[in-house]
Amino acid sequence: MLQTALAGVVADRSRIIFAASDRDQGLSLVNINDYPVMVQLWVDDGDPDSGPETANAPILPYPGLLQIAPKERKHINLLNIAEQEPEKQEQLYWLNVYEVPPTPAKNIDETEGQLLIVALRTQMKVFVRPNKLAIDVLDLAKWQSFILKDNMLSIENKSPYYVTYQNLSLSFKGRDYAIFQGMLAPYSVETVTITESELIDQLGLILKAEYIDDEGNAQPLALTVN
């Protein structure tokens, strides 16, 4: 059976960042498909089983339901309805974009297979950042610690911000070994087991990494591991 998934509502950025004092943020959505779609929006704490009826987050998308014509761009607002701002560290929520394509008007010939219409749910990070933090987000890299002991690498985020790593690797004799990608919460530690035997107990290993900045761009980071 031929299965075709139809999707294609994209945003004009990869993440949304609120200063705690911000009351709203704008976001553009574009339907790049050749057909109209109905889009439902809600913000939650990342629970995969949540929906618009059960979402519990201080960010409210408006409108929460909209139809977008083919190639059309529409603007939505995200409203910050929090009564109190976070005090010590950044908070993370998720904007859910639930896209429902239309039912095909014509039947598909059985010899060509069946068309599977898929309602697609994608998510975007929404950060709510306290107004006064002792550490500037531009200094995020300075507050990351990497300690290698035996076959365990400890990655510590000593900052009040979330940090997302991609392509974090250890380099030895000109070869890069990918070991981790993912997000660390503020003031958290991730421990990674090194399985490559040639890296264990070696001196002068170079750690190479890219982390994602506020604009969604990758920023390089390279240092010798302790």
N, C-alpha and C. Protein backbone atom coordinates (compact mmCIF):
# COMPACT_ATOMS: atom_id res chain seq x y z
N MET A 1 0.85 -1.19 0.00
CA MET A 1 0.00 0.00 0.00
C MET A 1 0.89 1.24 0.00
N LEU A 2 0.60 2.17 -0.89
CA LEU A 2 1.32 3.43 -0.94
C LEU A 2 0.74 4.37 0.11
N GLN A 3 1.59 4.85 1.01
CA GLN A 3 1.15 5.76 2.05
C GLN A 3 1.84 7.10 1.86
N THR A 4 1.06 8.16 1.78
CA THR A 4 1.60 9.49 1.57
C THR A 4 1.16 10.40 2.71
N ALA A 5 2.09 10.98 3.41
CA ALA A 5 1.78 11.90 4.51
C ALA A 5 1.80 13.32 3.99
N LEU A 6 0.74 14.06 4.26
CA LEU A 6 0.62 15.43 3.79
C LEU A 6 0.87 16.38 4.95
N ALA A 7 1.84 17.27 4.81
CA ALA A 7 2.17 18.23 5.87
C ALA A 7 2.82 19.44 5.25
N GLY A 8 2.90 20.53 5.99
CA GLY A 8 3.61 21.67 5.44
C GLY A 8 3.26 23.04 5.97
N VAL A 9 2.93 23.17 7.25
CA VAL A 9 2.78 24.49 7.86
C VAL A 9 4.08 24.78 8.62
N VAL A 10 4.75 25.86 8.24
CA VAL A 10 6.05 26.17 8.83
C VAL A 10 6.00 27.56 9.46
N ALA A 11 6.82 27.75 10.50
CA ALA A 11 6.90 29.02 11.22
C ALA A 11 8.11 29.82 10.74
N ASP A 12 8.11 31.10 11.04
CA ASP A 12 9.19 31.98 10.59
C ASP A 12 10.39 31.97 11.53
N ARG A 13 10.37 31.10 12.54
CA ARG A 13 11.51 30.95 13.44
C ARG A 13 11.42 29.58 14.11
N SER A 14 12.49 29.18 14.77
CA SER A 14 12.54 27.85 15.37
C SER A 14 12.23 27.86 16.86
N ARG A 15 12.22 29.04 17.48
CA ARG A 15 11.96 29.15 18.92
C ARG A 15 11.40 30.52 19.23
N ILE A 16 10.71 30.61 20.35
CA ILE A 16 10.12 31.87 20.80
C ILE A 16 10.65 32.16 22.19
N ILE A 17 11.11 33.39 22.41
CA ILE A 17 11.69 33.76 23.70
C ILE A 17 10.96 34.97 24.26
N PHE A 18 10.37 34.77 25.43
CA PHE A 18 9.72 35.85 26.17
C PHE A 18 10.64 36.35 27.27
N ALA A 19 10.87 37.64 27.34
CA ALA A 19 11.27 38.21 28.62
C ALA A 19 10.04 38.14 29.51
N ALA A 20 10.24 37.92 30.79
CA ALA A 20 9.09 37.73 31.68
C ALA A 20 8.15 38.92 31.67
N SER A 21 8.66 40.10 31.35
CA SER A 21 7.83 41.30 31.31
C SER A 21 7.09 41.46 29.98
N ASP A 22 7.43 40.66 28.98
CA ASP A 22 6.75 40.74 27.68
C ASP A 22 5.33 40.22 27.83
N ARG A 23 4.38 40.95 27.26
CA ARG A 23 2.99 40.51 27.32
C ARG A 23 2.58 39.71 26.10
N ASP A 24 3.28 39.88 24.99
CA ASP A 24 2.92 39.12 23.79
C ASP A 24 4.11 39.01 22.86
N GLN A 25 4.04 38.00 21.99
CA GLN A 25 5.02 37.79 20.92
C GLN A 25 4.24 37.42 19.67
N GLY A 26 4.73 37.86 18.52
CA GLY A 26 4.09 37.52 17.26
C GLY A 26 4.81 36.37 16.58
N LEU A 27 4.07 35.64 15.75
CA LEU A 27 4.63 34.52 15.01
C LEU A 27 3.87 34.38 13.69
N SER A 28 4.60 34.15 12.61
CA SER A 28 3.99 33.94 11.30
C SER A 28 4.01 32.46 10.95
N LEU A 29 2.90 31.97 10.44
CA LEU A 29 2.79 30.60 9.95
C LEU A 29 2.49 30.64 8.46
N VAL A 30 3.16 29.79 7.70
CA VAL A 30 2.97 29.73 6.26
C VAL A 30 2.56 28.32 5.86
N ASN A 31 1.51 28.22 5.08
CA ASN A 31 1.09 26.93 4.52
C ASN A 31 1.77 26.77 3.16
N ILE A 32 2.80 25.94 3.09
CA ILE A 32 3.54 25.77 1.84
C ILE A 32 2.93 24.69 0.95
N ASN A 33 1.81 24.11 1.38
CA ASN A 33 1.13 23.10 0.58
C ASN A 33 0.32 23.74 -0.55
N ASP A 34 -0.17 22.89 -1.41
CA ASP A 34 -1.06 23.32 -2.50
C ASP A 34 -2.52 23.12 -2.13
N TYR A 35 -2.80 22.95 -0.86
CA TYR A 35 -4.16 22.73 -0.39
C TYR A 35 -4.33 23.47 0.94
N PRO A 36 -5.55 23.81 1.32
CA PRO A 36 -5.79 24.50 2.59
C PRO A 36 -5.67 23.53 3.76
N VAL A 37 -5.35 24.06 4.92
CA VAL A 37 -5.28 23.24 6.13
C VAL A 37 -5.95 23.98 7.28
N MET A 38 -6.48 23.21 8.21
CA MET A 38 -6.97 23.74 9.46
C MET A 38 -5.89 23.52 10.51
N VAL A 39 -5.58 24.56 11.27
CA VAL A 39 -4.49 24.49 12.26
C VAL A 39 -5.04 24.83 13.64
N GLN A 40 -4.75 23.95 14.60
CA GLN A 40 -5.10 24.20 16.00
C GLN A 40 -3.81 24.42 16.78
N LEU A 41 -3.83 25.39 17.68
CA LEU A 41 -2.63 25.79 18.42
C LEU A 41 -2.89 25.74 19.92
N TRP A 42 -1.91 25.26 20.67
CA TRP A 42 -1.94 25.37 22.12
C TRP A 42 -0.52 25.26 22.66
N VAL A 43 -0.32 25.74 23.88
CA VAL A 43 0.99 25.69 24.53
C VAL A 43 0.87 24.84 25.79
N ASP A 44 1.82 23.91 25.97
CA ASP A 44 1.82 23.05 27.15
C ASP A 44 3.24 22.88 27.67
N ASP A 45 3.36 21.98 28.65
CA ASP A 45 4.67 21.75 29.27
C ASP A 45 5.44 20.61 28.62
N GLY A 46 4.98 20.14 27.47
CA GLY A 46 5.67 19.08 26.76
C GLY A 46 5.06 17.71 26.91
N ASP A 47 3.99 17.59 27.68
CA ASP A 47 3.32 16.31 27.86
C ASP A 47 2.77 15.84 26.51
N PRO A 48 3.23 14.67 26.00
CA PRO A 48 2.76 14.21 24.69
C PRO A 48 1.28 13.87 24.65
N ASP A 49 0.68 13.66 25.81
CA ASP A 49 -0.74 13.30 25.87
C ASP A 49 -1.65 14.51 26.09
N SER A 50 -1.07 15.69 26.19
CA SER A 50 -1.90 16.87 26.44
C SER A 50 -2.58 17.34 25.16
N GLY A 51 -3.61 18.14 25.33
CA GLY A 51 -4.31 18.75 24.22
C GLY A 51 -4.74 20.14 24.62
N PRO A 52 -5.44 20.84 23.75
CA PRO A 52 -5.85 22.22 24.07
C PRO A 52 -6.76 22.30 25.29
N GLU A 53 -7.49 21.22 25.58
CA GLU A 53 -8.39 21.25 26.73
C GLU A 53 -7.66 21.06 28.05
N THR A 54 -6.51 20.39 28.02
CA THR A 54 -5.80 20.06 29.26
C THR A 54 -4.47 20.81 29.40
N ALA A 55 -4.09 21.59 28.40
CA ALA A 55 -2.80 22.29 28.45
C ALA A 55 -2.76 23.24 29.64
N ASN A 56 -1.63 23.22 30.33
CA ASN A 56 -1.46 24.05 31.52
C ASN A 56 -0.17 24.84 31.38
N ALA A 57 -0.25 26.00 30.75
CA ALA A 57 0.92 26.85 30.54
C ALA A 57 0.47 28.30 30.56
N PRO A 58 1.35 29.22 30.96
CA PRO A 58 0.98 30.64 31.05
C PRO A 58 1.07 31.38 29.72
N ILE A 59 1.16 30.64 28.62
CA ILE A 59 1.23 31.23 27.28
C ILE A 59 0.00 30.79 26.50
N LEU A 60 -0.71 31.75 25.92
CA LEU A 60 -1.95 31.47 25.22
C LEU A 60 -1.85 31.93 23.78
N PRO A 61 -1.98 31.02 22.78
CA PRO A 61 -1.96 31.44 21.38
C PRO A 61 -3.31 32.00 20.96
N TYR A 62 -3.26 33.05 20.15
CA TYR A 62 -4.51 33.66 19.66
C TYR A 62 -4.33 34.06 18.19
N PRO A 63 -5.22 33.57 17.30
CA PRO A 63 -6.32 32.65 17.59
C PRO A 63 -5.80 31.23 17.83
N GLY A 64 -6.60 30.43 18.48
CA GLY A 64 -6.21 29.06 18.74
C GLY A 64 -6.59 28.10 17.63
N LEU A 65 -7.42 28.56 16.72
CA LEU A 65 -7.86 27.74 15.59
C LEU A 65 -7.97 28.63 14.37
N LEU A 66 -7.35 28.21 13.28
CA LEU A 66 -7.40 29.03 12.07
C LEU A 66 -7.24 28.15 10.84
N GLN A 67 -7.77 28.64 9.74
CA GLN A 67 -7.61 27.97 8.45
C GLN A 67 -6.63 28.78 7.61
N ILE A 68 -5.71 28.07 6.95
CA ILE A 68 -4.69 28.73 6.15
C ILE A 68 -4.79 28.21 4.72
N ALA A 69 -4.98 29.11 3.78
CA ALA A 69 -5.10 28.75 2.38
C ALA A 69 -3.74 28.35 1.81
N PRO A 70 -3.71 27.72 0.65
CA PRO A 70 -2.44 27.34 0.04
C PRO A 70 -1.52 28.55 -0.15
N LYS A 71 -0.27 28.42 0.26
CA LYS A 71 0.77 29.44 0.14
C LYS A 71 0.48 30.70 0.97
N GLU A 72 -0.53 30.67 1.80
CA GLU A 72 -0.90 31.85 2.58
C GLU A 72 -0.06 31.95 3.85
N ARG A 73 0.24 33.17 4.24
CA ARG A 73 0.92 33.46 5.50
C ARG A 73 -0.07 34.10 6.46
N LYS A 74 -0.12 33.59 7.69
CA LYS A 74 -0.99 34.18 8.70
C LYS A 74 -0.19 34.47 9.97
N HIS A 75 -0.61 35.54 10.64
CA HIS A 75 0.08 35.99 11.85
C HIS A 75 -0.75 35.61 13.07
N ILE A 76 -0.07 35.07 14.08
CA ILE A 76 -0.73 34.77 15.35
C ILE A 76 0.00 35.51 16.46
N ASN A 77 -0.66 35.63 17.59
CA ASN A 77 -0.07 36.23 18.78
C ASN A 77 0.02 35.19 19.88
N LEU A 78 1.08 35.24 20.64
CA LEU A 78 1.22 34.43 21.84
C LEU A 78 1.17 35.37 23.03
N LEU A 79 0.20 35.16 23.89
CA LEU A 79 -0.05 36.06 25.01
C LEU A 79 0.52 35.47 26.30
N ASN A 80 1.28 36.26 27.02
CA ASN A 80 1.82 35.84 28.31
C ASN A 80 0.83 36.23 29.40
N ILE A 81 0.17 35.23 29.98
CA ILE A 81 -0.86 35.49 30.97
C ILE A 81 -0.39 35.12 32.39
N ALA A 82 0.92 34.92 32.55
CA ALA A 82 1.46 34.57 33.87
C ALA A 82 1.25 35.72 34.85
N GLU A 83 0.85 35.39 36.06
CA GLU A 83 0.66 36.40 37.09
C GLU A 83 1.97 36.76 37.78
N GLN A 84 2.91 35.82 37.80
CA GLN A 84 4.22 36.07 38.40
C GLN A 84 5.30 35.59 37.45
N GLU A 85 6.41 36.31 37.43
CA GLU A 85 7.51 35.89 36.56
C GLU A 85 8.40 34.89 37.28
N PRO A 86 9.04 33.97 36.52
CA PRO A 86 10.00 33.07 37.15
C PRO A 86 11.15 33.87 37.74
N GLU A 87 11.66 33.42 38.87
CA GLU A 87 12.64 34.21 39.60
C GLU A 87 14.09 33.84 39.32
N LYS A 88 14.38 32.56 39.22
CA LYS A 88 15.77 32.14 39.24
C LYS A 88 16.28 31.57 37.93
N GLN A 89 15.40 31.07 37.08
CA GLN A 89 15.87 30.42 35.87
C GLN A 89 14.80 30.45 34.78
N GLU A 90 15.26 30.18 33.59
CA GLU A 90 14.39 30.15 32.42
C GLU A 90 13.39 29.00 32.52
N GLN A 91 12.19 29.22 32.00
CA GLN A 91 11.16 28.19 31.95
C GLN A 91 10.92 27.78 30.50
N LEU A 92 10.62 26.50 30.30
CA LEU A 92 10.41 25.98 28.95
C LEU A 92 8.98 25.47 28.78
N TYR A 93 8.34 25.90 27.69
CA TYR A 93 7.03 25.40 27.30
C TYR A 93 7.10 25.04 25.81
N TRP A 94 6.02 24.46 25.31
CA TRP A 94 6.01 24.01 23.92
C TRP A 94 4.75 24.50 23.21
N LEU A 95 4.96 25.14 22.07
CA LEU A 95 3.84 25.52 21.20
C LEU A 95 3.54 24.35 20.28
N ASN A 96 2.32 23.85 20.34
CA ASN A 96 1.88 22.75 19.49
C ASN A 96 1.15 23.29 18.28
N VAL A 97 1.55 22.84 17.11
CA VAL A 97 0.91 23.21 15.85
C VAL A 97 0.31 21.93 15.27
N TYR A 98 -1.01 21.81 15.38
CA TYR A 98 -1.71 20.61 14.96
C TYR A 98 -2.40 20.90 13.63
N GLU A 99 -1.91 20.26 12.61
CA GLU A 99 -2.32 20.55 11.23
C GLU A 99 -3.19 19.43 10.67
N VAL A 100 -4.38 19.78 10.21
CA VAL A 100 -5.31 18.80 9.65
C VAL A 100 -5.55 19.14 8.18
N PRO A 101 -5.06 18.31 7.26
CA PRO A 101 -5.30 18.55 5.83
C PRO A 101 -6.72 18.14 5.45
N PRO A 102 -7.20 18.61 4.31
CA PRO A 102 -8.55 18.28 3.88
C PRO A 102 -8.64 16.85 3.36
N THR A 103 -9.86 16.32 3.35
CA THR A 103 -10.10 15.02 2.73
C THR A 103 -10.07 15.17 1.22
N PRO A 104 -9.35 14.31 0.50
CA PRO A 104 -9.28 14.44 -0.97
C PRO A 104 -10.67 14.40 -1.59
N ALA A 105 -10.87 15.24 -2.59
CA ALA A 105 -12.17 15.32 -3.26
C ALA A 105 -12.39 14.16 -4.20
N LYS A 106 -11.30 13.58 -4.71
CA LYS A 106 -11.41 12.50 -5.68
C LYS A 106 -10.89 11.21 -5.07
N ASN A 107 -11.53 10.11 -5.48
CA ASN A 107 -11.06 8.81 -5.05
C ASN A 107 -9.77 8.46 -5.79
N ILE A 108 -8.92 7.76 -5.12
CA ILE A 108 -7.66 7.35 -5.73
C ILE A 108 -7.83 5.97 -6.33
N ASP A 109 -7.32 5.79 -7.54
CA ASP A 109 -7.39 4.50 -8.22
C ASP A 109 -6.71 3.44 -7.36
N GLU A 110 -7.37 2.31 -7.18
CA GLU A 110 -6.82 1.26 -6.33
C GLU A 110 -5.49 0.75 -6.84
N THR A 111 -5.27 0.87 -8.15
CA THR A 111 -3.99 0.41 -8.70
C THR A 111 -2.84 1.32 -8.29
N GLU A 112 -3.15 2.52 -7.84
CA GLU A 112 -2.11 3.46 -7.42
C GLU A 112 -1.91 3.46 -5.91
N GLY A 113 -2.66 2.60 -5.22
CA GLY A 113 -2.52 2.54 -3.77
C GLY A 113 -3.55 3.42 -3.08
N GLN A 114 -3.41 3.54 -1.79
CA GLN A 114 -4.33 4.32 -0.98
C GLN A 114 -3.62 5.54 -0.41
N LEU A 115 -4.34 6.63 -0.32
CA LEU A 115 -3.80 7.86 0.23
C LEU A 115 -4.12 7.93 1.72
N LEU A 116 -3.10 8.09 2.53
CA LEU A 116 -3.27 8.19 3.97
C LEU A 116 -3.20 9.66 4.38
N ILE A 117 -4.30 10.18 4.88
CA ILE A 117 -4.34 11.57 5.33
C ILE A 117 -3.88 11.62 6.78
N VAL A 118 -2.85 12.39 7.04
CA VAL A 118 -2.23 12.43 8.36
C VAL A 118 -2.42 13.80 8.99
N ALA A 119 -2.94 13.82 10.21
CA ALA A 119 -2.97 15.05 11.01
C ALA A 119 -1.63 15.14 11.73
N LEU A 120 -0.89 16.18 11.43
CA LEU A 120 0.49 16.29 11.92
C LEU A 120 0.58 17.26 13.09
N ARG A 121 1.24 16.83 14.15
CA ARG A 121 1.47 17.69 15.31
C ARG A 121 2.97 17.96 15.43
N THR A 122 3.35 19.21 15.30
CA THR A 122 4.74 19.60 15.50
C THR A 122 4.82 20.54 16.71
N GLN A 123 6.03 20.70 17.24
CA GLN A 123 6.20 21.51 18.44
C GLN A 123 7.34 22.50 18.27
N MET A 124 7.20 23.65 18.90
CA MET A 124 8.23 24.67 18.96
C MET A 124 8.52 25.01 20.41
N LYS A 125 9.79 25.26 20.71
CA LYS A 125 10.15 25.66 22.07
C LYS A 125 9.70 27.10 22.34
N VAL A 126 9.15 27.30 23.53
CA VAL A 126 8.78 28.64 24.02
C VAL A 126 9.48 28.84 25.36
N PHE A 127 10.40 29.79 25.41
CA PHE A 127 11.15 30.07 26.63
C PHE A 127 10.61 31.33 27.30
N VAL A 128 10.44 31.27 28.61
CA VAL A 128 10.08 32.45 29.40
C VAL A 128 11.27 32.74 30.32
N ARG A 129 11.86 33.90 30.15
CA ARG A 129 13.14 34.23 30.77
C ARG A 129 12.97 35.35 31.79
N PRO A 130 13.42 35.14 33.03
CA PRO A 130 13.37 36.22 34.02
C PRO A 130 14.10 37.46 33.53
N ASN A 131 13.63 38.61 33.96
CA ASN A 131 14.21 39.87 33.48
C ASN A 131 15.60 40.12 34.02
N LYS A 132 15.86 39.69 35.23
CA LYS A 132 17.15 39.98 35.85
C LYS A 132 17.84 38.68 36.25
N LEU A 133 18.80 38.28 35.42
CA LEU A 133 19.62 37.12 35.72
C LEU A 133 21.07 37.56 35.82
N ALA A 134 21.81 36.92 36.72
CA ALA A 134 23.20 37.34 36.95
C ALA A 134 24.10 37.02 35.77
N ILE A 135 23.71 36.04 34.96
CA ILE A 135 24.52 35.61 33.83
C ILE A 135 23.86 36.06 32.54
N ASP A 136 24.63 36.69 31.66
CA ASP A 136 24.13 37.11 30.35
C ASP A 136 24.07 35.89 29.43
N VAL A 137 23.01 35.79 28.64
CA VAL A 137 22.86 34.64 27.75
C VAL A 137 23.99 34.58 26.72
N LEU A 138 24.61 35.72 26.41
CA LEU A 138 25.73 35.73 25.47
C LEU A 138 26.96 35.05 26.05
N ASP A 139 26.98 34.86 27.36
CA ASP A 139 28.10 34.19 28.03
C ASP A 139 27.78 32.73 28.34
N LEU A 140 26.77 32.19 27.68
CA LEU A 140 26.31 30.83 27.97
C LEU A 140 27.43 29.81 27.89
N ALA A 141 28.29 29.92 26.87
CA ALA A 141 29.35 28.93 26.68
C ALA A 141 30.33 28.89 27.85
N LYS A 142 30.50 30.03 28.51
CA LYS A 142 31.45 30.09 29.64
C LYS A 142 30.96 29.31 30.85
N TRP A 143 29.68 28.98 30.86
CA TRP A 143 29.09 28.32 32.02
C TRP A 143 28.77 26.86 31.73
N GLN A 144 29.50 26.29 30.78
CA GLN A 144 29.37 24.87 30.47
C GLN A 144 30.64 24.15 30.92
N SER A 145 30.47 22.99 31.53
CA SER A 145 31.61 22.23 32.05
C SER A 145 31.58 20.81 31.49
N PHE A 146 32.75 20.31 31.10
CA PHE A 146 32.87 18.97 30.55
C PHE A 146 34.01 18.25 31.27
N ILE A 147 33.70 17.17 31.96
CA ILE A 147 34.70 16.42 32.71
C ILE A 147 34.64 14.96 32.28
N LEU A 148 35.77 14.45 31.81
CA LEU A 148 35.87 13.06 31.37
C LEU A 148 36.63 12.26 32.41
N LYS A 149 36.00 11.23 32.94
CA LYS A 149 36.64 10.35 33.91
C LYS A 149 36.36 8.91 33.52
N ASP A 150 37.44 8.17 33.29
CA ASP A 150 37.33 6.79 32.79
C ASP A 150 36.54 6.82 31.48
N ASN A 151 35.39 6.17 31.45
CA ASN A 151 34.59 6.17 30.22
C ASN A 151 33.30 6.98 30.37
N MET A 152 33.29 7.94 31.30
CA MET A 152 32.10 8.74 31.53
C MET A 152 32.41 10.22 31.30
N LEU A 153 31.60 10.87 30.48
CA LEU A 153 31.72 12.31 30.25
C LEU A 153 30.56 13.01 30.93
N SER A 154 30.88 13.91 31.86
CA SER A 154 29.85 14.71 32.53
C SER A 154 29.74 16.06 31.84
N ILE A 155 28.54 16.39 31.41
CA ILE A 155 28.25 17.67 30.77
C ILE A 155 27.38 18.46 31.74
N GLU A 156 27.91 19.55 32.25
CA GLU A 156 27.18 20.33 33.25
C GLU A 156 26.83 21.71 32.72
N ASN A 157 25.56 22.04 32.82
CA ASN A 157 25.09 23.38 32.47
C ASN A 157 24.97 24.18 33.77
N LYS A 158 25.89 25.10 33.99
CA LYS A 158 25.92 25.88 35.23
C LYS A 158 25.16 27.20 35.10
N SER A 159 24.43 27.35 34.03
CA SER A 159 23.72 28.61 33.77
C SER A 159 22.23 28.48 34.09
N PRO A 160 21.51 29.61 34.18
CA PRO A 160 20.07 29.58 34.41
C PRO A 160 19.26 29.43 33.12
N TYR A 161 19.95 29.11 32.01
CA TYR A 161 19.29 28.98 30.71
C TYR A 161 19.27 27.52 30.26
N TYR A 162 18.29 27.19 29.43
CA TYR A 162 18.34 25.92 28.73
C TYR A 162 19.40 26.01 27.64
N VAL A 163 20.12 24.91 27.42
CA VAL A 163 21.12 24.88 26.36
C VAL A 163 20.89 23.62 25.52
N THR A 164 20.84 23.81 24.20
CA THR A 164 20.63 22.71 23.27
C THR A 164 21.91 22.46 22.49
N TYR A 165 22.43 21.25 22.62
CA TYR A 165 23.65 20.87 21.90
C TYR A 165 23.30 20.05 20.67
N GLN A 166 24.06 20.26 19.62
CA GLN A 166 24.00 19.37 18.48
C GLN A 166 25.43 19.06 18.04
N ASN A 167 25.62 17.85 17.54
CA ASN A 167 26.93 17.43 17.03
C ASN A 167 28.04 17.55 18.07
N LEU A 168 27.74 17.19 19.31
CA LEU A 168 28.79 17.19 20.32
C LEU A 168 29.63 15.94 20.13
N SER A 169 30.94 16.12 19.98
CA SER A 169 31.82 15.00 19.67
C SER A 169 33.16 15.16 20.38
N LEU A 170 33.88 14.05 20.49
CA LEU A 170 35.25 14.04 20.97
C LEU A 170 36.17 13.76 19.79
N SER A 171 37.24 14.54 19.69
CA SER A 171 38.17 14.41 18.57
C SER A 171 39.49 13.85 19.07
N PHE A 172 39.98 12.81 18.37
CA PHE A 172 41.25 12.18 18.73
C PHE A 172 41.96 11.72 17.46
N LYS A 173 43.20 12.20 17.28
CA LYS A 173 44.01 11.86 16.12
C LYS A 173 43.28 12.17 14.81
N GLY A 174 42.62 13.32 14.79
CA GLY A 174 41.97 13.78 13.57
C GLY A 174 40.62 13.17 13.28
N ARG A 175 40.13 12.32 14.15
CA ARG A 175 38.83 11.69 13.93
C ARG A 175 37.84 12.17 14.98
N ASP A 176 36.62 12.47 14.55
CA ASP A 176 35.57 12.93 15.46
C ASP A 176 34.63 11.78 15.79
N TYR A 177 34.31 11.65 17.08
CA TYR A 177 33.40 10.61 17.56
C TYR A 177 32.17 11.29 18.15
N ALA A 178 31.03 11.16 17.48
CA ALA A 178 29.79 11.77 17.97
C ALA A 178 29.35 11.06 19.25
N ILE A 179 29.04 11.84 20.29
CA ILE A 179 28.68 11.22 21.57
C ILE A 179 27.39 11.75 22.18
N PHE A 180 26.92 12.92 21.77
CA PHE A 180 25.72 13.45 22.44
C PHE A 180 25.09 14.54 21.60
N GLN A 181 23.77 14.58 21.64
CA GLN A 181 23.01 15.75 21.19
C GLN A 181 21.73 15.80 22.00
N GLY A 182 21.32 17.00 22.36
CA GLY A 182 20.13 17.13 23.17
C GLY A 182 20.14 18.41 23.99
N MET A 183 19.17 18.53 24.87
CA MET A 183 18.98 19.76 25.63
C MET A 183 19.22 19.50 27.12
N LEU A 184 19.91 20.44 27.75
CA LEU A 184 20.12 20.40 29.20
C LEU A 184 19.32 21.51 29.85
N ALA A 185 18.64 21.17 30.93
CA ALA A 185 17.90 22.16 31.71
C ALA A 185 18.88 23.03 32.50
N PRO A 186 18.44 24.16 32.99
CA PRO A 186 19.30 24.99 33.83
C PRO A 186 19.84 24.22 35.04
N TYR A 187 21.11 24.45 35.34
CA TYR A 187 21.75 23.86 36.52
C TYR A 187 21.61 22.33 36.56
N SER A 188 21.81 21.69 35.41
CA SER A 188 21.66 20.24 35.34
C SER A 188 22.93 19.60 34.79
N VAL A 189 23.02 18.29 34.99
CA VAL A 189 24.17 17.51 34.53
C VAL A 189 23.68 16.33 33.70
N GLU A 190 24.31 16.10 32.58
CA GLU A 190 24.06 14.93 31.74
C GLU A 190 25.33 14.10 31.72
N THR A 191 25.20 12.80 32.02
CA THR A 191 26.36 11.91 32.01
C THR A 191 26.26 10.96 30.82
N VAL A 192 27.31 10.94 30.01
CA VAL A 192 27.33 10.14 28.79
C VAL A 192 28.39 9.06 28.92
N THR A 193 28.02 7.83 28.57
CA THR A 193 28.98 6.73 28.58
C THR A 193 29.73 6.69 27.26
N ILE A 194 31.06 6.71 27.33
CA ILE A 194 31.89 6.64 26.14
C ILE A 194 32.12 5.17 25.81
N THR A 195 31.67 4.73 24.65
CA THR A 195 31.78 3.32 24.27
C THR A 195 32.98 3.04 23.38
N GLU A 196 33.57 4.08 22.79
CA GLU A 196 34.72 3.87 21.91
C GLU A 196 35.96 3.64 22.76
N SER A 197 36.53 2.46 22.69
CA SER A 197 37.66 2.09 23.55
C SER A 197 38.88 2.96 23.31
N GLU A 198 39.07 3.46 22.08
CA GLU A 198 40.25 4.25 21.77
C GLU A 198 40.23 5.63 22.44
N LEU A 199 39.08 6.04 22.99
CA LEU A 199 38.98 7.34 23.66
C LEU A 199 39.23 7.26 25.16
N ILE A 200 39.15 6.06 25.71
CA ILE A 200 39.23 5.90 27.16
C ILE A 200 40.67 6.10 27.63
N ASP A 201 40.83 6.91 28.66
CA ASP A 201 42.13 7.18 29.29
C ASP A 201 43.11 7.88 28.36
N GLN A 202 42.60 8.59 27.38
CA GLN A 202 43.47 9.36 26.49
C GLN A 202 43.57 10.80 26.97
N LEU A 203 44.76 11.38 26.83
CA LEU A 203 44.97 12.78 27.18
C LEU A 203 44.84 13.65 25.94
N GLY A 204 44.43 14.90 26.16
CA GLY A 204 44.38 15.85 25.05
C GLY A 204 43.22 15.67 24.10
N LEU A 205 42.17 15.01 24.56
CA LEU A 205 40.98 14.91 23.72
C LEU A 205 40.36 16.29 23.52
N ILE A 206 39.95 16.57 22.30
CA ILE A 206 39.31 17.84 21.98
C ILE A 206 37.81 17.63 21.89
N LEU A 207 37.07 18.40 22.65
CA LEU A 207 35.61 18.36 22.55
C LEU A 207 35.14 19.42 21.57
N LYS A 208 34.34 19.01 20.61
CA LYS A 208 33.76 19.92 19.64
C LYS A 208 32.24 19.86 19.77
N ALA A 209 31.62 21.01 19.76
CA ALA A 209 30.17 21.04 19.92
C ALA A 209 29.60 22.26 19.24
N GLU A 210 28.33 22.18 18.96
CA GLU A 210 27.56 23.34 18.52
C GLU A 210 26.34 23.45 19.42
N TYR A 211 26.08 24.65 19.91
CA TYR A 211 24.87 24.88 20.68
C TYR A 211 24.03 25.92 19.95
N ILE A 212 22.74 25.91 20.21
CA ILE A 212 21.80 26.76 19.47
C ILE A 212 21.57 28.05 20.24
N ASP A 213 21.74 29.18 19.56
CA ASP A 213 21.56 30.48 20.22
C ASP A 213 20.11 30.95 20.12
N ASP A 214 19.85 32.16 20.60
CA ASP A 214 18.49 32.69 20.63
C ASP A 214 17.87 32.84 19.25
N GLU A 215 18.70 32.99 18.23
CA GLU A 215 18.20 33.15 16.87
C GLU A 215 18.00 31.82 16.16
N GLY A 216 18.31 30.73 16.85
CA GLY A 216 18.20 29.42 16.23
C GLY A 216 19.42 29.02 15.42
N ASN A 217 20.51 29.78 15.55
CA ASN A 217 21.74 29.49 14.81
C ASN A 217 22.69 28.66 15.67
N ALA A 218 23.49 27.84 15.00
CA ALA A 218 24.46 27.01 15.69
C ALA A 218 25.73 27.80 15.98
N GLN A 219 26.17 27.75 17.23
CA GLN A 219 27.40 28.42 17.64
C GLN A 219 28.45 27.37 18.02
N PRO A 220 29.67 27.47 17.47
CA PRO A 220 30.69 26.45 17.73
C PRO A 220 31.33 26.60 19.11
N LEU A 221 31.77 25.47 19.62
CA LEU A 221 32.46 25.44 20.90
C LEU A 221 33.51 24.34 20.83
N ALA A 222 34.75 24.65 21.16
CA ALA A 222 35.83 23.65 21.14
C ALA A 222 36.76 23.90 22.32
N LEU A 223 37.12 22.82 23.03
CA LEU A 223 38.02 22.95 24.16
C LEU A 223 38.61 21.59 24.49
N THR A 224 39.71 21.60 25.23
CA THR A 224 40.32 20.37 25.70
C THR A 224 39.59 19.88 26.94
N VAL A 225 39.25 18.59 26.95
CA VAL A 225 38.48 18.03 28.05
C VAL A 225 39.40 17.75 29.23
N ASN A 226 38.93 18.11 30.45
CA ASN A 226 39.71 17.84 31.66
C ASN A 226 39.66 16.35 32.02
